[in-house]
């Protein structure tokens, strides 16, 4: 059976230090033929401001980061998802991109965060304006590994169920949710949103988070978890760094989908009449 792993991080502004932590976690894993490892949002650089993310995206360091991610995937024989890294779009904008590497070190998919976190929150940061330096993506992505059909999402995307319904319709059986959820919103909504997305889509959800208070004062919720298609939490890592793993049970997927065939019953997959005024 395929293995699913989420790595929880307290990423810093030192790219080398973040890579060292990731490699130390990979060294401790028992690797199977099909092993998906999901890293959090901003896994390689976190704790600075968005203008520093833009500067990183516009530098040559990004190419070095991609090469190192490819090396780790190949060396440890895992499908490695870098939850998000800043990729250059223009001198003034970057995109938050999930980059997926196969177990031979080839980049096989990328996804750009669709929904940007422009909100006011009563925490240390007070407000977030991702759109100032970040450009939203314009595509959905489901990538075939072996038995895994992986749908990609990032953090704030979690609040938009239509995206997850679309990923399920495209054939996903696992959906990744790399995140840096704030402590305040995470305490209120993180777990119920993840369980809802799993239940609605009848997919495994692999949610890898940032945790703790970071250099810029931002407080992240942690609580990385893997949820099965029935909505049960298979494993959870609360407030410490490290990793969690579980097996993807194909028989459970089939049982849940056969017993309650929501995909077949969903009438919004076809044309419905609308009540339009005369």
Protein backbone atom coordinates (compact mmCIF):
# COMPACT_ATOMS: atom_id res chain seq x y z
CA UNK A 1 0.00 0.00 0.00
CA UNK A 2 1.20 3.54 -0.64
CA UNK A 3 2.45 5.56 2.33
CA UNK A 4 1.45 9.13 3.10
CA UNK A 5 3.70 11.38 5.21
CA UNK A 6 3.31 14.96 6.42
CA UNK A 7 6.31 16.84 7.82
CA UNK A 8 5.58 19.62 10.31
CA UNK A 9 8.15 22.42 10.36
CA UNK A 10 9.16 25.62 12.12
CA UNK A 11 10.78 27.09 9.04
CA UNK A 12 13.18 30.02 9.33
CA UNK A 13 14.76 32.56 6.98
CA UNK A 14 17.83 30.33 6.54
CA UNK A 15 17.21 28.12 3.50
CA UNK A 16 20.12 25.79 4.36
CA UNK A 17 18.80 25.21 7.88
CA UNK A 18 15.36 24.31 6.52
CA UNK A 19 16.88 21.85 4.05
CA UNK A 20 18.92 20.27 6.85
CA UNK A 21 15.75 19.73 8.90
CA UNK A 22 13.88 18.21 5.94
CA UNK A 23 16.73 15.82 5.17
CA UNK A 24 16.96 14.75 8.81
CA UNK A 25 13.26 13.87 8.71
CA UNK A 26 13.60 11.96 5.44
CA UNK A 27 16.47 9.93 6.87
CA UNK A 28 14.13 8.58 9.58
CA UNK A 29 11.40 7.41 7.20
CA UNK A 30 10.83 3.83 6.16
CA UNK A 31 10.45 4.19 2.41
CA UNK A 32 8.01 2.11 0.36
CA UNK A 33 7.66 1.76 -3.41
CA UNK A 34 5.11 4.59 -3.44
CA UNK A 35 5.72 7.06 -0.64
CA UNK A 36 4.37 10.62 -0.77
CA UNK A 37 5.97 13.21 1.53
CA UNK A 38 4.23 16.58 1.91
CA UNK A 39 6.12 19.62 3.23
CA UNK A 40 4.34 22.73 4.58
CA UNK A 41 3.63 26.03 2.89
CA UNK A 42 6.75 28.25 2.79
CA UNK A 43 8.81 25.19 3.72
CA UNK A 44 12.17 26.59 2.58
CA UNK A 45 11.83 30.21 3.69
CA UNK A 46 9.52 31.58 6.39
CA UNK A 47 9.63 34.29 9.01
CA UNK A 48 10.51 37.24 6.78
CA UNK A 49 8.13 39.58 5.00
CA UNK A 50 6.55 39.18 1.58
CA UNK A 51 9.01 41.57 -0.07
CA UNK A 52 11.80 39.20 0.99
CA UNK A 53 9.90 36.31 -0.60
CA UNK A 54 9.75 38.38 -3.80
CA UNK A 55 13.49 39.03 -3.63
CA UNK A 56 14.10 35.30 -3.19
CA UNK A 57 11.88 34.50 -6.19
CA UNK A 58 13.88 36.96 -8.30
CA UNK A 59 17.24 35.50 -7.25
CA UNK A 60 19.28 32.57 -8.56
CA UNK A 61 18.72 30.78 -5.25
CA UNK A 62 15.41 29.40 -6.51
CA UNK A 63 17.16 27.21 -9.08
CA UNK A 64 19.46 25.88 -6.37
CA UNK A 65 16.44 25.12 -4.19
CA UNK A 66 14.75 23.14 -6.95
CA UNK A 67 17.92 21.12 -7.59
CA UNK A 68 18.19 20.31 -3.89
CA UNK A 69 14.56 19.24 -3.70
CA UNK A 70 15.12 16.97 -6.70
CA UNK A 71 18.20 15.48 -5.03
CA UNK A 72 16.29 14.72 -1.83
CA UNK A 73 13.43 13.07 -3.72
CA UNK A 74 15.84 10.88 -5.69
CA UNK A 75 18.17 10.03 -2.81
CA UNK A 76 15.37 9.04 -0.41
CA UNK A 77 13.18 7.51 -3.16
CA UNK A 78 10.05 9.48 -2.28
CA UNK A 79 7.51 11.56 -4.11
CA UNK A 80 8.32 14.91 -2.52
CA UNK A 81 5.90 17.85 -2.49
CA UNK A 82 7.44 21.18 -1.53
CA UNK A 83 4.29 22.74 -0.11
CA UNK A 84 5.08 26.16 -1.47
CA UNK A 85 8.11 28.05 -2.69
CA UNK A 86 8.09 31.56 -4.22
CA UNK A 87 8.48 31.32 -8.00
CA UNK A 88 9.10 34.36 -10.15
CA UNK A 89 6.29 35.84 -12.24
CA UNK A 90 7.66 39.37 -12.78
CA UNK A 91 9.87 41.91 -11.03
CA UNK A 92 6.92 42.86 -8.83
CA UNK A 93 5.04 39.60 -8.32
CA UNK A 94 5.77 35.98 -7.42
CA UNK A 95 3.53 32.93 -7.16
CA UNK A 96 3.22 30.53 -4.23
CA UNK A 97 3.96 27.25 -6.01
CA UNK A 98 3.70 23.66 -4.85
CA UNK A 99 6.42 21.70 -6.64
CA UNK A 100 6.08 17.91 -6.92
CA UNK A 101 9.10 15.68 -7.60
CA UNK A 102 8.94 11.95 -8.31
CA UNK A 103 11.16 9.32 -6.71
CA UNK A 104 13.71 9.71 -9.52
CA UNK A 105 14.12 13.41 -8.85
CA UNK A 106 12.08 14.65 -11.80
CA UNK A 107 9.68 17.55 -11.32
CA UNK A 108 6.35 16.19 -12.51
CA UNK A 109 3.82 18.84 -11.45
CA UNK A 110 3.43 22.34 -10.13
CA UNK A 111 0.47 24.22 -8.73
CA UNK A 112 0.09 27.91 -7.94
CA UNK A 113 -2.05 28.91 -4.94
CA UNK A 114 -5.48 29.97 -6.21
CA UNK A 115 -6.83 31.86 -3.19
CA UNK A 116 -4.78 34.61 -1.54
CA UNK A 117 -5.00 35.43 2.16
CA UNK A 118 -6.06 39.10 2.30
CA UNK A 119 -7.68 39.31 5.75
CA UNK A 120 -7.58 41.06 9.12
CA UNK A 121 -6.91 38.79 12.09
CA UNK A 122 -6.65 39.67 15.79
CA UNK A 123 -3.16 38.19 16.25
CA UNK A 124 0.42 39.47 16.38
CA UNK A 125 0.45 40.23 12.65
CA UNK A 126 -2.97 41.99 12.68
CA UNK A 127 -3.47 41.78 8.92
CA UNK A 128 -2.31 39.77 5.92
CA UNK A 129 -2.19 41.02 2.32
CA UNK A 130 -0.79 38.22 0.18
CA UNK A 131 -1.95 39.86 -3.03
CA UNK A 132 0.49 42.76 -2.60
CA UNK A 133 3.38 40.66 -3.89
CA UNK A 134 1.70 37.36 -4.84
CA UNK A 135 -0.24 36.56 -8.02
CA UNK A 136 -2.94 33.91 -7.75
CA UNK A 137 -2.75 30.82 -9.94
CA UNK A 138 -5.23 29.91 -12.67
CA UNK A 139 -5.32 26.10 -12.82
CA UNK A 140 -6.28 23.02 -10.86
CA UNK A 141 -3.89 20.06 -10.74
CA UNK A 142 -4.35 16.32 -10.23
CA UNK A 143 -1.19 14.29 -10.82
CA UNK A 144 -0.95 10.52 -11.16
CA UNK A 145 1.85 8.92 -9.12
CA UNK A 146 1.23 5.16 -9.05
CA UNK A 147 -1.93 4.27 -7.13
CA UNK A 148 -2.13 7.81 -5.79
CA UNK A 149 -4.06 10.40 -7.76
CA UNK A 150 -2.85 13.57 -6.04
CA UNK A 151 -4.88 16.78 -6.01
CA UNK A 152 -2.97 19.92 -5.04
CA UNK A 153 -4.06 22.83 -2.85
CA UNK A 154 -2.39 25.32 -0.50
CA UNK A 155 -3.52 26.70 2.89
CA UNK A 156 -6.27 29.33 2.36
CA UNK A 157 -7.60 27.22 -0.53
CA UNK A 158 -9.02 25.02 2.24
CA UNK A 159 -11.91 27.44 2.76
CA UNK A 160 -13.17 27.01 -0.81
CA UNK A 161 -14.89 23.62 -1.15
CA UNK A 162 -15.58 24.08 -4.87
CA UNK A 163 -11.85 23.59 -5.53
CA UNK A 164 -11.85 20.27 -3.68
CA UNK A 165 -15.00 19.13 -5.46
CA UNK A 166 -13.25 19.90 -8.73
CA UNK A 167 -10.16 17.91 -7.71
CA UNK A 168 -12.38 14.94 -6.79
CA UNK A 169 -14.17 15.17 -10.14
CA UNK A 170 -10.76 15.11 -11.83
CA UNK A 171 -10.04 11.79 -10.14
CA UNK A 172 -8.13 12.68 -6.96
CA UNK A 173 -8.01 10.09 -4.19
CA UNK A 174 -5.49 12.05 -2.09
CA UNK A 175 -5.42 15.83 -1.65
CA UNK A 176 -2.47 17.72 -0.18
CA UNK A 177 -2.95 20.77 2.05
CA UNK A 178 0.43 22.34 2.86
CA UNK A 179 -0.26 25.28 5.15
CA UNK A 180 0.90 28.00 7.49
CA UNK A 181 -2.47 28.51 9.21
CA UNK A 182 -2.47 31.26 11.81
CA UNK A 183 -2.81 30.16 15.42
CA UNK A 184 -6.07 32.06 15.86
CA UNK A 185 -7.86 30.80 12.75
CA UNK A 186 -6.31 27.36 13.12
CA UNK A 187 -7.73 26.86 16.61
CA UNK A 188 -11.19 27.69 15.31
CA UNK A 189 -11.35 26.11 11.86
CA UNK A 190 -8.34 23.99 10.80
CA UNK A 191 -9.51 20.53 11.90
CA UNK A 192 -13.22 20.88 10.98
CA UNK A 193 -12.35 22.26 7.53
CA UNK A 194 -9.94 19.40 6.86
CA UNK A 195 -12.45 16.79 7.98
CA UNK A 196 -15.19 18.40 5.90
CA UNK A 197 -13.02 18.36 2.77
CA UNK A 198 -12.20 14.67 3.35
CA UNK A 199 -15.84 13.72 3.88
CA UNK A 200 -17.12 15.75 0.93
CA UNK A 201 -14.57 14.46 -1.54
CA UNK A 202 -14.12 10.96 -0.07
CA UNK A 203 -10.35 11.46 -0.39
CA UNK A 204 -7.41 11.15 1.95
CA UNK A 205 -6.27 14.61 3.11
CA UNK A 206 -2.57 15.12 3.88
CA UNK A 207 -2.18 18.42 5.74
CA UNK A 208 1.36 19.55 6.58
CA UNK A 209 1.68 22.73 8.63
CA UNK A 210 4.06 25.28 10.04
CA UNK A 211 4.11 25.50 13.83
CA UNK A 212 5.15 28.01 16.51
CA UNK A 213 6.06 31.70 16.62
CA UNK A 214 8.30 32.78 13.78
CA UNK A 215 10.94 35.47 13.38
CA UNK A 216 8.42 38.00 12.05
CA UNK A 217 6.06 37.41 14.99
CA UNK A 218 3.61 35.30 13.03
CA UNK A 219 2.12 32.46 15.08
CA UNK A 220 1.24 29.26 13.24
CA UNK A 221 -1.10 26.53 14.43
CA UNK A 222 0.68 23.28 13.55
CA UNK A 223 -1.57 20.24 14.09
CA UNK A 224 -0.49 18.54 10.89
CA UNK A 225 -2.78 15.59 10.24
CA UNK A 226 -3.76 12.90 7.79
CA UNK A 227 -7.48 12.24 7.47
CA UNK A 228 -9.08 9.23 5.79
CA UNK A 229 -12.00 9.42 3.32
CA UNK A 230 -14.50 8.67 6.11
CA UNK A 231 -13.32 11.82 7.91
CA UNK A 232 -11.40 10.03 10.66
CA UNK A 233 -8.05 11.45 11.77
CA UNK A 234 -5.47 8.75 11.07
CA UNK A 235 -2.65 10.65 12.79
CA UNK A 236 -1.91 14.15 14.09
CA UNK A 237 1.16 16.07 15.25
CA UNK A 238 0.04 18.90 17.51
CA UNK A 239 2.65 21.49 18.48
CA UNK A 240 6.05 19.94 17.84
CA UNK A 241 8.11 19.55 14.68
CA UNK A 242 8.50 16.14 13.12
CA UNK A 243 6.58 13.81 10.83
CA UNK A 244 3.50 11.59 10.77
CA UNK A 245 2.75 8.74 8.37
CA UNK A 246 -0.07 6.36 7.49
CA UNK A 247 -0.91 3.83 4.81
CA UNK A 248 -3.32 4.67 2.01
CA UNK A 249 -5.94 1.93 2.26
CA UNK A 250 -7.37 1.44 -1.23
CA UNK A 251 -10.03 -0.93 0.10
CA UNK A 252 -11.28 1.76 2.52
CA UNK A 253 -11.45 4.25 -0.35
CA UNK A 254 -13.51 1.83 -2.39
CA UNK A 255 -15.78 0.94 0.54
CA UNK A 256 -16.56 4.57 1.41
CA UNK A 257 -17.24 5.50 -2.20
CA UNK A 258 -19.36 2.41 -2.88
CA UNK A 259 -21.43 2.69 0.30
CA UNK A 260 -22.20 6.40 -0.12
CA UNK A 261 -21.70 7.16 -3.84
CA UNK A 262 -21.85 10.95 -3.62
CA UNK A 263 -19.96 11.42 -6.90
CA UNK A 264 -22.65 9.45 -8.71
CA UNK A 265 -25.50 11.19 -6.89
CA UNK A 266 -24.14 14.75 -7.27
CA UNK A 267 -26.67 16.54 -9.45
CA UNK A 268 -24.39 19.56 -9.78
CA UNK A 269 -22.25 17.46 -12.13
CA UNK A 270 -25.02 17.93 -14.69
CA UNK A 271 -27.10 20.85 -15.93
CA UNK A 272 -29.91 21.98 -13.63
CA UNK A 273 -32.61 24.48 -14.44
CA UNK A 274 -32.24 27.89 -12.82
CA UNK A 275 -35.12 30.04 -11.71
CA UNK A 276 -34.47 33.09 -13.83
CA UNK A 277 -36.83 36.09 -13.83
CA UNK A 278 -39.04 36.56 -16.89
